[in-house]
């Protein structure tokens, strides 16, 4: 990111008035694959709306009716393009479904920025100009490495990975990162018996709880469960209902929502990765504004692999209630 972009983006974040480089307010659309009831995306929405207010943009956010529905998401993108916005901000959860529609947006002069989820090949796989979000493989690897500190010192290890949307870019990359660390762990501990298994855990927390509960019934010796999203909070409730104490089955996952913060506080979740969704809503707006007013090119931003722990829960509660974490 250039020094000019840094300076102007920092000014926007701090609430300093940005230079009026263009008379016409930019029209920006954020279209995501999540539904309006998905609590994670409320932090993205808040960041988006705050940034739009700071730069004085005409903004609209489009949700899918159903979490993870690619056809609904693509239909929303088509609607957005028909309104000829200056910039289109979108998630890309599939390597093929979005190629044509986003290429067409670029051809019509619309700035296209991916946020939260990118094509697995990045700019080589899609016409989007930049990505604001997490390095999913690295995040999965670091999450697994951190949770491994809690593995029992002796005995076999059984690890379950819940893939919420099999085939979705973010889900496959996060799972791959977890599996990469576990393979490295096994190589470093060749005499340790380890079983690693994936399941389709579903995107709905109730479905995840049911499926992991069935897996736990089949294998009461489960050591650890990784959730690709934040439904490990639902698994914590299942463990509690079955009289399984905090830490007897290790839990880790991605993203902070109020339920996760509560289960961090309870000790049932040992570690969680925060990809800072507020930034994923805020920063693309700053980039789109600068592209519209100053002709500056959007740039990739890694929003991080911040690991959070039970001792962080108290400080996170207030931020979580405000929708910032």
C-alpha atoms as a PDB file:
ATOM      1  CA  UNK A   1       0.000   0.000   0.000  1.00  0.00           C
ATOM      2  CA  UNK A   2       1.466   3.421  -0.939  1.00  0.00           C
ATOM      3  CA  UNK A   3       2.142   6.149   1.613  1.00  0.00           C
ATOM      4  CA  UNK A   4      -0.714   8.216   0.129  1.00  0.00           C
ATOM      5  CA  UNK A   5      -3.184   5.351   0.602  1.00  0.00           C
ATOM      6  CA  UNK A   6      -1.938   4.736   4.134  1.00  0.00           C
ATOM      7  CA  UNK A   7      -2.280   8.374   5.050  1.00  0.00           C
ATOM      8  CA  UNK A   8      -5.778   8.778   3.648  1.00  0.00           C
ATOM      9  CA  UNK A   9      -7.009   5.447   5.007  1.00  0.00           C
ATOM     10  CA  UNK A  10      -5.605   6.333   8.430  1.00  0.00           C
ATOM     11  CA  UNK A  11      -7.337   9.701   8.252  1.00  0.00           C
ATOM     12  CA  UNK A  12     -10.629   7.975   7.516  1.00  0.00           C
ATOM     13  CA  UNK A  13     -10.177   5.528  10.397  1.00  0.00           C
ATOM     14  CA  UNK A  14      -9.386   8.350  12.797  1.00  0.00           C
ATOM     15  CA  UNK A  15     -12.382  10.402  11.708  1.00  0.00           C
ATOM     16  CA  UNK A  16     -10.328  13.118  10.032  1.00  0.00           C
ATOM     17  CA  UNK A  17     -12.004  14.767   7.046  1.00  0.00           C
ATOM     18  CA  UNK A  18     -10.759  13.358   3.768  1.00  0.00           C
ATOM     19  CA  UNK A  19      -9.984  15.690   0.869  1.00  0.00           C
ATOM     20  CA  UNK A  20     -12.886  16.327  -1.464  1.00  0.00           C
ATOM     21  CA  UNK A  21     -11.164  14.977  -4.571  1.00  0.00           C
ATOM     22  CA  UNK A  22     -14.422  14.504  -6.475  1.00  0.00           C
ATOM     23  CA  UNK A  23     -17.740  16.291  -6.383  1.00  0.00           C
ATOM     24  CA  UNK A  24     -19.930  13.249  -6.985  1.00  0.00           C
ATOM     25  CA  UNK A  25     -20.328  10.867  -4.048  1.00  0.00           C
ATOM     26  CA  UNK A  26     -19.236   7.327  -4.957  1.00  0.00           C
ATOM     27  CA  UNK A  27     -21.852   4.578  -5.144  1.00  0.00           C
ATOM     28  CA  UNK A  28     -20.660   1.400  -3.429  1.00  0.00           C
ATOM     29  CA  UNK A  29     -22.289  -2.020  -3.079  1.00  0.00           C
ATOM     30  CA  UNK A  30     -21.220  -4.794  -0.714  1.00  0.00           C
ATOM     31  CA  UNK A  31     -22.695  -8.193  -1.647  1.00  0.00           C
ATOM     32  CA  UNK A  32     -21.932 -11.202   0.548  1.00  0.00           C
ATOM     33  CA  UNK A  33     -22.726 -14.917   0.646  1.00  0.00           C
ATOM     34  CA  UNK A  34     -24.074 -14.722   4.210  1.00  0.00           C
ATOM     35  CA  UNK A  35     -27.608 -14.013   5.394  1.00  0.00           C
ATOM     36  CA  UNK A  36     -28.728 -11.044   7.480  1.00  0.00           C
ATOM     37  CA  UNK A  37     -29.140 -13.365  10.481  1.00  0.00           C
ATOM     38  CA  UNK A  38     -25.487 -14.417  10.376  1.00  0.00           C
ATOM     39  CA  UNK A  39     -24.005 -12.676  13.421  1.00  0.00           C
ATOM     40  CA  UNK A  40     -20.464 -12.704  12.018  1.00  0.00           C
ATOM     41  CA  UNK A  41     -21.419 -10.504   9.089  1.00  0.00           C
ATOM     42  CA  UNK A  42     -22.943  -7.893  11.353  1.00  0.00           C
ATOM     43  CA  UNK A  43     -19.398  -6.784  12.234  1.00  0.00           C
ATOM     44  CA  UNK A  44     -18.604  -6.552   8.510  1.00  0.00           C
ATOM     45  CA  UNK A  45     -21.784  -4.522   8.029  1.00  0.00           C
ATOM     46  CA  UNK A  46     -20.866  -2.154  10.832  1.00  0.00           C
ATOM     47  CA  UNK A  47     -17.401  -1.544   9.404  1.00  0.00           C
ATOM     48  CA  UNK A  48     -18.896  -0.970   5.960  1.00  0.00           C
ATOM     49  CA  UNK A  49     -21.497   1.491   7.207  1.00  0.00           C
ATOM     50  CA  UNK A  50     -19.021   3.385   9.414  1.00  0.00           C
ATOM     51  CA  UNK A  51     -16.586   3.809   6.532  1.00  0.00           C
ATOM     52  CA  UNK A  52     -19.375   4.879   4.160  1.00  0.00           C
ATOM     53  CA  UNK A  53     -20.433   7.552   6.629  1.00  0.00           C
ATOM     54  CA  UNK A  54     -16.869   8.842   6.974  1.00  0.00           C
ATOM     55  CA  UNK A  55     -16.251   9.202   3.232  1.00  0.00           C
ATOM     56  CA  UNK A  56     -19.778  10.296   2.365  1.00  0.00           C
ATOM     57  CA  UNK A  57     -20.490   7.413  -0.006  1.00  0.00           C
ATOM     58  CA  UNK A  58     -23.875   6.178  -1.220  1.00  0.00           C
ATOM     59  CA  UNK A  59     -23.763   2.591   0.026  1.00  0.00           C
ATOM     60  CA  UNK A  60     -25.879  -0.550  -0.091  1.00  0.00           C
ATOM     61  CA  UNK A  61     -25.263  -4.001   1.429  1.00  0.00           C
ATOM     62  CA  UNK A  62     -26.866  -7.082  -0.124  1.00  0.00           C
ATOM     63  CA  UNK A  63     -27.250 -10.314   1.868  1.00  0.00           C
ATOM     64  CA  UNK A  64     -28.143 -13.775   0.601  1.00  0.00           C
ATOM     65  CA  UNK A  65     -31.449 -15.182   1.807  1.00  0.00           C
ATOM     66  CA  UNK A  66     -29.695 -18.407   2.797  1.00  0.00           C
ATOM     67  CA  UNK A  67     -26.207 -18.657   4.265  1.00  0.00           C
ATOM     68  CA  UNK A  68     -23.744 -19.863   1.642  1.00  0.00           C
ATOM     69  CA  UNK A  69     -26.191 -19.807  -1.280  1.00  0.00           C
ATOM     70  CA  UNK A  70     -24.077 -19.106  -4.375  1.00  0.00           C
ATOM     71  CA  UNK A  71     -27.063 -18.678  -6.765  1.00  0.00           C
ATOM     72  CA  UNK A  72     -28.634 -16.058  -4.468  1.00  0.00           C
ATOM     73  CA  UNK A  73     -25.310 -14.298  -4.088  1.00  0.00           C
ATOM     74  CA  UNK A  74     -24.667 -14.205  -7.840  1.00  0.00           C
ATOM     75  CA  UNK A  75     -28.198 -12.898  -8.424  1.00  0.00           C
ATOM     76  CA  UNK A  76     -27.469 -10.063  -5.991  1.00  0.00           C
ATOM     77  CA  UNK A  77     -24.260  -9.281  -7.889  1.00  0.00           C
ATOM     78  CA  UNK A  78     -26.237  -9.103 -11.126  1.00  0.00           C
ATOM     79  CA  UNK A  79     -28.676  -6.696  -9.476  1.00  0.00           C
ATOM     80  CA  UNK A  80     -25.809  -4.582  -8.190  1.00  0.00           C
ATOM     81  CA  UNK A  81     -24.136  -4.362 -11.603  1.00  0.00           C
ATOM     82  CA  UNK A  82     -27.398  -3.295 -13.212  1.00  0.00           C
ATOM     83  CA  UNK A  83     -27.359  -0.237 -10.942  1.00  0.00           C
ATOM     84  CA  UNK A  84     -23.894   0.773 -12.233  1.00  0.00           C
ATOM     85  CA  UNK A  85     -22.095   1.403  -8.929  1.00  0.00           C
ATOM     86  CA  UNK A  86     -18.614   2.880  -8.839  1.00  0.00           C
ATOM     87  CA  UNK A  87     -17.361  -0.067  -6.796  1.00  0.00           C
ATOM     88  CA  UNK A  88     -18.514  -3.588  -5.999  1.00  0.00           C
ATOM     89  CA  UNK A  89     -17.210  -5.289  -2.864  1.00  0.00           C
ATOM     90  CA  UNK A  90     -17.915  -9.008  -2.623  1.00  0.00           C
ATOM     91  CA  UNK A  91     -17.012 -12.351  -1.107  1.00  0.00           C
ATOM     92  CA  UNK A  92     -15.811 -15.070  -3.496  1.00  0.00           C
ATOM     93  CA  UNK A  93     -16.545 -18.510  -2.040  1.00  0.00           C
ATOM     94  CA  UNK A  94     -16.238 -20.512  -5.275  1.00  0.00           C
ATOM     95  CA  UNK A  95     -13.484 -20.533  -7.899  1.00  0.00           C
ATOM     96  CA  UNK A  96     -15.803 -20.582 -10.918  1.00  0.00           C
ATOM     97  CA  UNK A  97     -19.250 -19.250 -10.051  1.00  0.00           C
ATOM     98  CA  UNK A  98     -18.168 -15.591  -9.822  1.00  0.00           C
ATOM     99  CA  UNK A  99     -15.694 -15.367 -12.709  1.00  0.00           C
ATOM    100  CA  UNK A 100     -18.024 -14.204 -15.465  1.00  0.00           C
ATOM    101  CA  UNK A 101     -20.112 -11.758 -13.458  1.00  0.00           C
ATOM    102  CA  UNK A 102     -17.117 -10.028 -11.872  1.00  0.00           C
ATOM    103  CA  UNK A 103     -15.216  -9.905 -15.170  1.00  0.00           C
ATOM    104  CA  UNK A 104     -18.253  -8.190 -16.662  1.00  0.00           C
ATOM    105  CA  UNK A 105     -18.299  -5.707 -13.788  1.00  0.00           C
ATOM    106  CA  UNK A 106     -14.666  -4.839 -14.437  1.00  0.00           C
ATOM    107  CA  UNK A 107     -15.280  -4.460 -18.168  1.00  0.00           C
ATOM    108  CA  UNK A 108     -17.995  -1.926 -17.398  1.00  0.00           C
ATOM    109  CA  UNK A 109     -15.561   0.154 -15.352  1.00  0.00           C
ATOM    110  CA  UNK A 110     -16.662  -0.927 -11.867  1.00  0.00           C
ATOM    111  CA  UNK A 111     -13.945  -1.266  -9.232  1.00  0.00           C
ATOM    112  CA  UNK A 112     -14.140  -4.808  -7.815  1.00  0.00           C
ATOM    113  CA  UNK A 113     -12.686  -5.677  -4.405  1.00  0.00           C
ATOM    114  CA  UNK A 114     -12.959  -9.081  -2.748  1.00  0.00           C
ATOM    115  CA  UNK A 115     -13.401  -9.145   1.006  1.00  0.00           C
ATOM    116  CA  UNK A 116     -13.585 -11.919   3.618  1.00  0.00           C
ATOM    117  CA  UNK A 117     -13.165 -14.738   1.039  1.00  0.00           C
ATOM    118  CA  UNK A 118     -11.094 -14.733  -2.145  1.00  0.00           C
ATOM    119  CA  UNK A 119     -10.604 -16.989  -5.161  1.00  0.00           C
ATOM    120  CA  UNK A 120      -8.071 -19.660  -4.179  1.00  0.00           C
ATOM    121  CA  UNK A 121      -5.821 -18.428  -7.023  1.00  0.00           C
ATOM    122  CA  UNK A 122      -6.237 -14.788  -6.071  1.00  0.00           C
ATOM    123  CA  UNK A 123      -5.853 -12.343  -8.948  1.00  0.00           C
ATOM    124  CA  UNK A 124      -4.912 -15.199 -11.307  1.00  0.00           C
ATOM    125  CA  UNK A 125      -8.292 -16.816 -10.785  1.00  0.00           C
ATOM    126  CA  UNK A 126     -10.641 -13.834 -10.764  1.00  0.00           C
ATOM    127  CA  UNK A 127     -10.814 -10.306 -12.174  1.00  0.00           C
ATOM    128  CA  UNK A 128     -11.147  -8.725  -8.715  1.00  0.00           C
ATOM    129  CA  UNK A 129      -8.478  -6.067  -8.109  1.00  0.00           C
ATOM    130  CA  UNK A 130      -7.633  -6.717  -4.452  1.00  0.00           C
ATOM    131  CA  UNK A 131      -8.497  -8.890  -1.464  1.00  0.00           C
ATOM    132  CA  UNK A 132      -9.067  -7.727   2.110  1.00  0.00           C
ATOM    133  CA  UNK A 133      -9.128 -10.702   4.443  1.00  0.00           C
ATOM    134  CA  UNK A 134      -7.383 -13.542   6.183  1.00  0.00           C
ATOM    135  CA  UNK A 135      -4.744 -15.969   4.913  1.00  0.00           C
ATOM    136  CA  UNK A 136      -6.872 -19.035   5.599  1.00  0.00           C
ATOM    137  CA  UNK A 137      -4.178 -21.714   5.329  1.00  0.00           C
ATOM    138  CA  UNK A 138      -1.849 -19.817   7.667  1.00  0.00           C
ATOM    139  CA  UNK A 139      -4.715 -19.201  10.101  1.00  0.00           C
ATOM    140  CA  UNK A 140      -5.640 -22.881  10.174  1.00  0.00           C
ATOM    141  CA  UNK A 141      -2.030 -23.892  10.733  1.00  0.00           C
ATOM    142  CA  UNK A 142      -1.499 -21.443  13.598  1.00  0.00           C
ATOM    143  CA  UNK A 143      -4.793 -22.406  15.227  1.00  0.00           C
ATOM    144  CA  UNK A 144      -3.886 -26.103  15.187  1.00  0.00           C
ATOM    145  CA  UNK A 145      -0.363 -25.438  16.427  1.00  0.00           C
ATOM    146  CA  UNK A 146      -1.701 -23.417  19.343  1.00  0.00           C
ATOM    147  CA  UNK A 147      -4.341 -25.977  20.326  1.00  0.00           C
ATOM    148  CA  UNK A 148      -1.716 -28.753  20.206  1.00  0.00           C
ATOM    149  CA  UNK A 149      -0.191 -27.242  23.372  1.00  0.00           C
ATOM    150  CA  UNK A 150      -3.221 -28.689  25.171  1.00  0.00           C
ATOM    151  CA  UNK A 151      -2.955 -32.217  23.701  1.00  0.00           C
ATOM    152  CA  UNK A 152      -2.587 -34.855  26.424  1.00  0.00           C
ATOM    153  CA  UNK A 153       1.017 -35.948  26.918  1.00  0.00           C
ATOM    154  CA  UNK A 154       0.277 -39.631  26.363  1.00  0.00           C
ATOM    155  CA  UNK A 155      -2.167 -41.905  24.589  1.00  0.00           C
ATOM    156  CA  UNK A 156      -3.772 -41.828  21.146  1.00  0.00           C
ATOM    157  CA  UNK A 157      -5.102 -38.616  19.676  1.00  0.00           C
ATOM    158  CA  UNK A 158      -8.385 -38.379  17.791  1.00  0.00           C
ATOM    159  CA  UNK A 159      -9.044 -35.095  15.996  1.00  0.00           C
ATOM    160  CA  UNK A 160     -12.234 -34.104  14.200  1.00  0.00           C
ATOM    161  CA  UNK A 161     -12.410 -31.223  11.712  1.00  0.00           C
ATOM    162  CA  UNK A 162     -15.876 -29.822  10.993  1.00  0.00           C
ATOM    163  CA  UNK A 163     -16.033 -28.373   7.467  1.00  0.00           C
ATOM    164  CA  UNK A 164     -19.107 -26.171   7.449  1.00  0.00           C
ATOM    165  CA  UNK A 165     -19.398 -25.684   3.669  1.00  0.00           C
ATOM    166  CA  UNK A 166     -17.450 -28.427   1.868  1.00  0.00           C
ATOM    167  CA  UNK A 167     -16.047 -27.052  -1.377  1.00  0.00           C
ATOM    168  CA  UNK A 168     -16.199 -23.405  -0.272  1.00  0.00           C
ATOM    169  CA  UNK A 169     -12.846 -21.653  -0.636  1.00  0.00           C
ATOM    170  CA  UNK A 170     -12.531 -20.505   2.964  1.00  0.00           C
ATOM    171  CA  UNK A 171     -13.608 -23.868   4.392  1.00  0.00           C
ATOM    172  CA  UNK A 172     -11.233 -25.958   2.304  1.00  0.00           C
ATOM    173  CA  UNK A 173      -8.248 -23.657   2.921  1.00  0.00           C
ATOM    174  CA  UNK A 174      -8.778 -23.459   6.673  1.00  0.00           C
ATOM    175  CA  UNK A 175      -9.144 -27.238   6.887  1.00  0.00           C
ATOM    176  CA  UNK A 176      -6.003 -27.643   4.765  1.00  0.00           C
ATOM    177  CA  UNK A 177      -4.051 -25.421   7.158  1.00  0.00           C
ATOM    178  CA  UNK A 178      -5.215 -27.444  10.165  1.00  0.00           C
ATOM    179  CA  UNK A 179      -4.357 -30.706   8.427  1.00  0.00           C
ATOM    180  CA  UNK A 180      -0.931 -29.406   7.408  1.00  0.00           C
ATOM    181  CA  UNK A 181       0.000 -28.704  11.018  1.00  0.00           C
ATOM    182  CA  UNK A 182      -1.384 -32.044  12.212  1.00  0.00           C
ATOM    183  CA  UNK A 183       0.721 -33.817   9.559  1.00  0.00           C
ATOM    184  CA  UNK A 184       3.775 -31.911  10.796  1.00  0.00           C
ATOM    185  CA  UNK A 185       2.891 -32.826  14.391  1.00  0.00           C
ATOM    186  CA  UNK A 186       2.593 -36.499  13.452  1.00  0.00           C
ATOM    187  CA  UNK A 187       5.941 -36.374  11.639  1.00  0.00           C
ATOM    188  CA  UNK A 188       7.561 -34.855  14.741  1.00  0.00           C
ATOM    189  CA  UNK A 189       5.919 -37.505  16.967  1.00  0.00           C
ATOM    190  CA  UNK A 190       6.056 -40.693  14.849  1.00  0.00           C
ATOM    191  CA  UNK A 191       5.369 -42.997  17.794  1.00  0.00           C
ATOM    192  CA  UNK A 192       2.149 -41.193  18.720  1.00  0.00           C
ATOM    193  CA  UNK A 193      -1.062 -42.735  17.346  1.00  0.00           C
ATOM    194  CA  UNK A 194      -3.187 -40.036  15.726  1.00  0.00           C
ATOM    195  CA  UNK A 195      -6.470 -40.192  13.819  1.00  0.00           C
ATOM    196  CA  UNK A 196      -7.630 -37.119  11.886  1.00  0.00           C
ATOM    197  CA  UNK A 197     -11.049 -37.072  10.262  1.00  0.00           C
ATOM    198  CA  UNK A 198     -13.210 -34.510   8.455  1.00  0.00           C
ATOM    199  CA  UNK A 199     -16.988 -34.270   8.603  1.00  0.00           C
ATOM    200  CA  UNK A 200     -19.528 -32.051   6.874  1.00  0.00           C
ATOM    201  CA  UNK A 201     -20.516 -30.134   9.989  1.00  0.00           C
ATOM    202  CA  UNK A 202     -23.131 -27.899   8.329  1.00  0.00           C
ATOM    203  CA  UNK A 203     -23.373 -24.125   8.512  1.00  0.00           C
ATOM    204  CA  UNK A 204     -26.295 -24.071  10.969  1.00  0.00           C
ATOM    205  CA  UNK A 205     -25.177 -24.320  14.638  1.00  0.00           C
ATOM    206  CA  UNK A 206     -27.944 -26.793  15.491  1.00  0.00           C
ATOM    207  CA  UNK A 207     -26.878 -29.076  12.650  1.00  0.00           C
ATOM    208  CA  UNK A 208     -23.234 -28.832  13.728  1.00  0.00           C
ATOM    209  CA  UNK A 209     -24.145 -29.726  17.311  1.00  0.00           C
ATOM    210  CA  UNK A 210     -26.130 -32.757  16.140  1.00  0.00           C
ATOM    211  CA  UNK A 211     -23.419 -34.051  13.815  1.00  0.00           C
ATOM    212  CA  UNK A 212     -20.549 -33.573  16.239  1.00  0.00           C
ATOM    213  CA  UNK A 213     -22.715 -35.101  18.970  1.00  0.00           C
ATOM    214  CA  UNK A 214     -23.169 -38.200  16.790  1.00  0.00           C
ATOM    215  CA  UNK A 215     -19.425 -38.355  16.169  1.00  0.00           C
ATOM    216  CA  UNK A 216     -18.797 -38.094  19.908  1.00  0.00           C
ATOM    217  CA  UNK A 217     -21.233 -40.930  20.600  1.00  0.00           C
ATOM    218  CA  UNK A 218     -19.398 -43.086  18.055  1.00  0.00           C
ATOM    219  CA  UNK A 219     -16.005 -42.154  19.519  1.00  0.00           C
ATOM    220  CA  UNK A 220     -16.174 -41.034  23.177  1.00  0.00           C
ATOM    221  CA  UNK A 221     -12.375 -40.691  23.166  1.00  0.00           C
ATOM    222  CA  UNK A 222     -12.420 -37.604  20.963  1.00  0.00           C
ATOM    223  CA  UNK A 223      -9.422 -35.412  21.810  1.00  0.00           C
ATOM    224  CA  UNK A 224     -10.148 -32.232  19.882  1.00  0.00           C
ATOM    225  CA  UNK A 225     -12.671 -30.641  17.546  1.00  0.00           C
ATOM    226  CA  UNK A 226     -11.838 -27.873  15.078  1.00  0.00           C
ATOM    227  CA  UNK A 227     -14.720 -25.913  13.597  1.00  0.00           C
ATOM    228  CA  UNK A 228     -14.105 -24.057  10.330  1.00  0.00           C
ATOM    229  CA  UNK A 229     -16.457 -21.270  11.437  1.00  0.00           C
ATOM    230  CA  UNK A 230     -17.733 -20.391  14.917  1.00  0.00           C
ATOM    231  CA  UNK A 231     -20.108 -23.289  15.545  1.00  0.00           C
ATOM    232  CA  UNK A 232     -17.742 -24.742  18.137  1.00  0.00           C
ATOM    233  CA  UNK A 233     -19.823 -22.676  20.555  1.00  0.00           C
ATOM    234  CA  UNK A 234     -22.752 -24.985  19.767  1.00  0.00           C
ATOM    235  CA  UNK A 235     -20.495 -28.000  20.352  1.00  0.00           C
ATOM    236  CA  UNK A 236     -19.570 -26.555  23.756  1.00  0.00           C
ATOM    237  CA  UNK A 237     -23.252 -26.631  24.700  1.00  0.00           C
ATOM    238  CA  UNK A 238     -23.517 -30.285  23.655  1.00  0.00           C
ATOM    239  CA  UNK A 239     -20.502 -31.167  25.806  1.00  0.00           C
ATOM    240  CA  UNK A 240     -21.978 -29.338  28.775  1.00  0.00           C
ATOM    241  CA  UNK A 241     -25.355 -31.052  28.322  1.00  0.00           C
ATOM    242  CA  UNK A 242     -23.606 -34.443  28.351  1.00  0.00           C
ATOM    243  CA  UNK A 243     -21.722 -33.657  31.545  1.00  0.00           C
ATOM    244  CA  UNK A 244     -18.362 -33.412  29.767  1.00  0.00           C
ATOM    245  CA  UNK A 245     -16.267 -30.793  31.544  1.00  0.00           C
ATOM    246  CA  UNK A 246     -14.418 -27.880  30.008  1.00  0.00           C
ATOM    247  CA  UNK A 247     -11.156 -29.014  28.435  1.00  0.00           C
ATOM    248  CA  UNK A 248     -12.024 -32.724  28.283  1.00  0.00           C
ATOM    249  CA  UNK A 249     -12.649 -32.287  24.564  1.00  0.00           C
ATOM    250  CA  UNK A 250     -10.520 -29.448  23.198  1.00  0.00           C
ATOM    251  CA  UNK A 251     -12.342 -26.890  21.053  1.00  0.00           C
ATOM    252  CA  UNK A 252     -11.008 -24.345  18.559  1.00  0.00           C
ATOM    253  CA  UNK A 253     -12.517 -22.406  15.685  1.00  0.00           C
ATOM    254  CA  UNK A 254     -12.689 -19.250  13.650  1.00  0.00           C
ATOM    255  CA  UNK A 255     -14.268 -15.849  14.235  1.00  0.00           C
ATOM    256  CA  UNK A 256     -15.597 -14.094  17.298  1.00  0.00           C
ATOM    257  CA  UNK A 257     -19.324 -13.879  17.916  1.00  0.00           C
ATOM    258  CA  UNK A 258     -20.950 -13.358  21.336  1.00  0.00           C
ATOM    259  CA  UNK A 259     -21.551 -17.090  21.852  1.00  0.00           C
ATOM    260  CA  UNK A 260     -17.882 -17.866  21.220  1.00  0.00           C
ATOM    261  CA  UNK A 261     -16.733 -15.163  23.628  1.00  0.00           C
ATOM    262  CA  UNK A 262     -19.005 -16.646  26.299  1.00  0.00           C
ATOM    263  CA  UNK A 263     -17.592 -20.144  25.758  1.00  0.00           C
ATOM    264  CA  UNK A 264     -14.045 -18.803  25.847  1.00  0.00           C
ATOM    265  CA  UNK A 265     -14.967 -17.315  29.195  1.00  0.00           C
ATOM    266  CA  UNK A 266     -16.418 -20.649  30.350  1.00  0.00           C
ATOM    267  CA  UNK A 267     -13.229 -22.482  29.378  1.00  0.00           C
ATOM    268  CA  UNK A 268     -14.904 -24.836  26.916  1.00  0.00           C
ATOM    269  CA  UNK A 269     -13.160 -23.157  23.959  1.00  0.00           C
ATOM    270  CA  UNK A 270      -9.372 -23.050  24.319  1.00  0.00           C
ATOM    271  CA  UNK A 271      -8.445 -20.813  21.376  1.00  0.00           C
ATOM    272  CA  UNK A 272     -10.169 -18.979  18.520  1.00  0.00           C
ATOM    273  CA  UNK A 273      -8.919 -17.065  15.470  1.00  0.00           C
ATOM    274  CA  UNK A 274     -10.233 -13.552  14.880  1.00  0.00           C
ATOM    275  CA  UNK A 275     -10.021 -12.355  11.270  1.00  0.00           C
ATOM    276  CA  UNK A 276     -11.227  -8.871  12.268  1.00  0.00           C
ATOM    277  CA  UNK A 277     -14.418  -8.583  10.178  1.00  0.00           C
ATOM    278  CA  UNK A 278     -14.920  -4.896  11.006  1.00  0.00           C
ATOM    279  CA  UNK A 279     -11.754  -4.205   8.997  1.00  0.00           C
ATOM    280  CA  UNK A 280     -13.096  -6.360   6.168  1.00  0.00           C
ATOM    281  CA  UNK A 281     -16.081  -4.033   5.904  1.00  0.00           C
ATOM    282  CA  UNK A 282     -14.207  -0.779   6.519  1.00  0.00           C
ATOM    283  CA  UNK A 283     -11.007  -1.001   4.466  1.00  0.00           C
ATOM    284  CA  UNK A 284     -12.556  -1.872   1.074  1.00  0.00           C
ATOM    285  CA  UNK A 285     -14.668   1.291   1.340  1.00  0.00           C
ATOM    286  CA  UNK A 286     -11.538   3.409   1.898  1.00  0.00           C
ATOM    287  CA  UNK A 287      -9.917   1.763  -1.124  1.00  0.00           C
ATOM    288  CA  UNK A 288     -13.004   2.182  -3.294  1.00  0.00           C
ATOM    289  CA  UNK A 289     -13.240   5.833  -2.298  1.00  0.00           C
ATOM    290  CA  UNK A 290      -9.600   6.444  -3.221  1.00  0.00           C
ATOM    291  CA  UNK A 291     -10.022   4.589  -6.516  1.00  0.00           C
ATOM    292  CA  UNK A 292     -13.013   6.800  -7.342  1.00  0.00           C
ATOM    293  CA  UNK A 293     -11.587  10.128  -6.201  1.00  0.00           C
ATOM    294  CA  UNK A 294      -7.848   9.810  -6.806  1.00  0.00           C
ATOM    295  CA  UNK A 295      -7.474   6.928  -9.246  1.00  0.00           C
ATOM    296  CA  UNK A 296      -5.454   4.898  -6.728  1.00  0.00           C
ATOM    297  CA  UNK A 297      -5.402   1.134  -7.177  1.00  0.00           C
ATOM    298  CA  UNK A 298      -6.874  -1.109  -4.457  1.00  0.00           C
ATOM    299  CA  UNK A 299      -4.315  -3.234  -2.615  1.00  0.00           C
ATOM    300  CA  UNK A 300      -4.356  -6.591  -0.830  1.00  0.00           C
ATOM    301  CA  UNK A 301      -4.600  -6.411   2.973  1.00  0.00           C
ATOM    302  CA  UNK A 302      -4.199  -9.403   5.296  1.00  0.00           C
ATOM    303  CA  UNK A 303      -6.572  -8.751   8.210  1.00  0.00           C
ATOM    304  CA  UNK A 304      -4.655 -11.203  10.354  1.00  0.00           C
ATOM    305  CA  UNK A 305      -4.625 -14.433  12.307  1.00  0.00           C
ATOM    306  CA  UNK A 306      -5.195 -12.981  15.770  1.00  0.00           C
ATOM    307  CA  UNK A 307      -5.442 -15.808  18.305  1.00  0.00           C
ATOM    308  CA  UNK A 308      -7.684 -15.160  21.310  1.00  0.00           C
ATOM    309  CA  UNK A 309      -7.848 -17.102  24.561  1.00  0.00           C
ATOM    310  CA  UNK A 310     -10.115 -17.516  27.598  1.00  0.00           C
ATOM    311  CA  UNK A 311      -8.182 -14.807  29.441  1.00  0.00           C
ATOM    312  CA  UNK A 312      -9.108 -12.365  26.670  1.00  0.00           C
ATOM    313  CA  UNK A 313     -12.857 -12.992  26.976  1.00  0.00           C
ATOM    314  CA  UNK A 314     -13.694 -10.298  29.502  1.00  0.00           C
ATOM    315  CA  UNK A 315     -12.073  -7.552  27.444  1.00  0.00           C
ATOM    316  CA  UNK A 316     -13.716  -8.870  24.269  1.00  0.00           C
ATOM    317  CA  UNK A 317     -17.261  -8.925  25.633  1.00  0.00           C
ATOM    318  CA  UNK A 318     -17.831  -5.179  25.370  1.00  0.00           C
ATOM    319  CA  UNK A 319     -16.342  -5.023  21.860  1.00  0.00           C
ATOM    320  CA  UNK A 320     -18.430  -8.026  20.830  1.00  0.00           C
ATOM    321  CA  UNK A 321     -21.628  -6.362  22.042  1.00  0.00           C
ATOM    322  CA  UNK A 322     -20.730  -3.272  20.002  1.00  0.00           C
ATOM    323  CA  UNK A 323     -20.230  -5.428  16.913  1.00  0.00           C
ATOM    324  CA  UNK A 324     -16.550  -4.546  16.596  1.00  0.00           C
ATOM    325  CA  UNK A 325     -15.123  -8.030  17.333  1.00  0.00           C
END
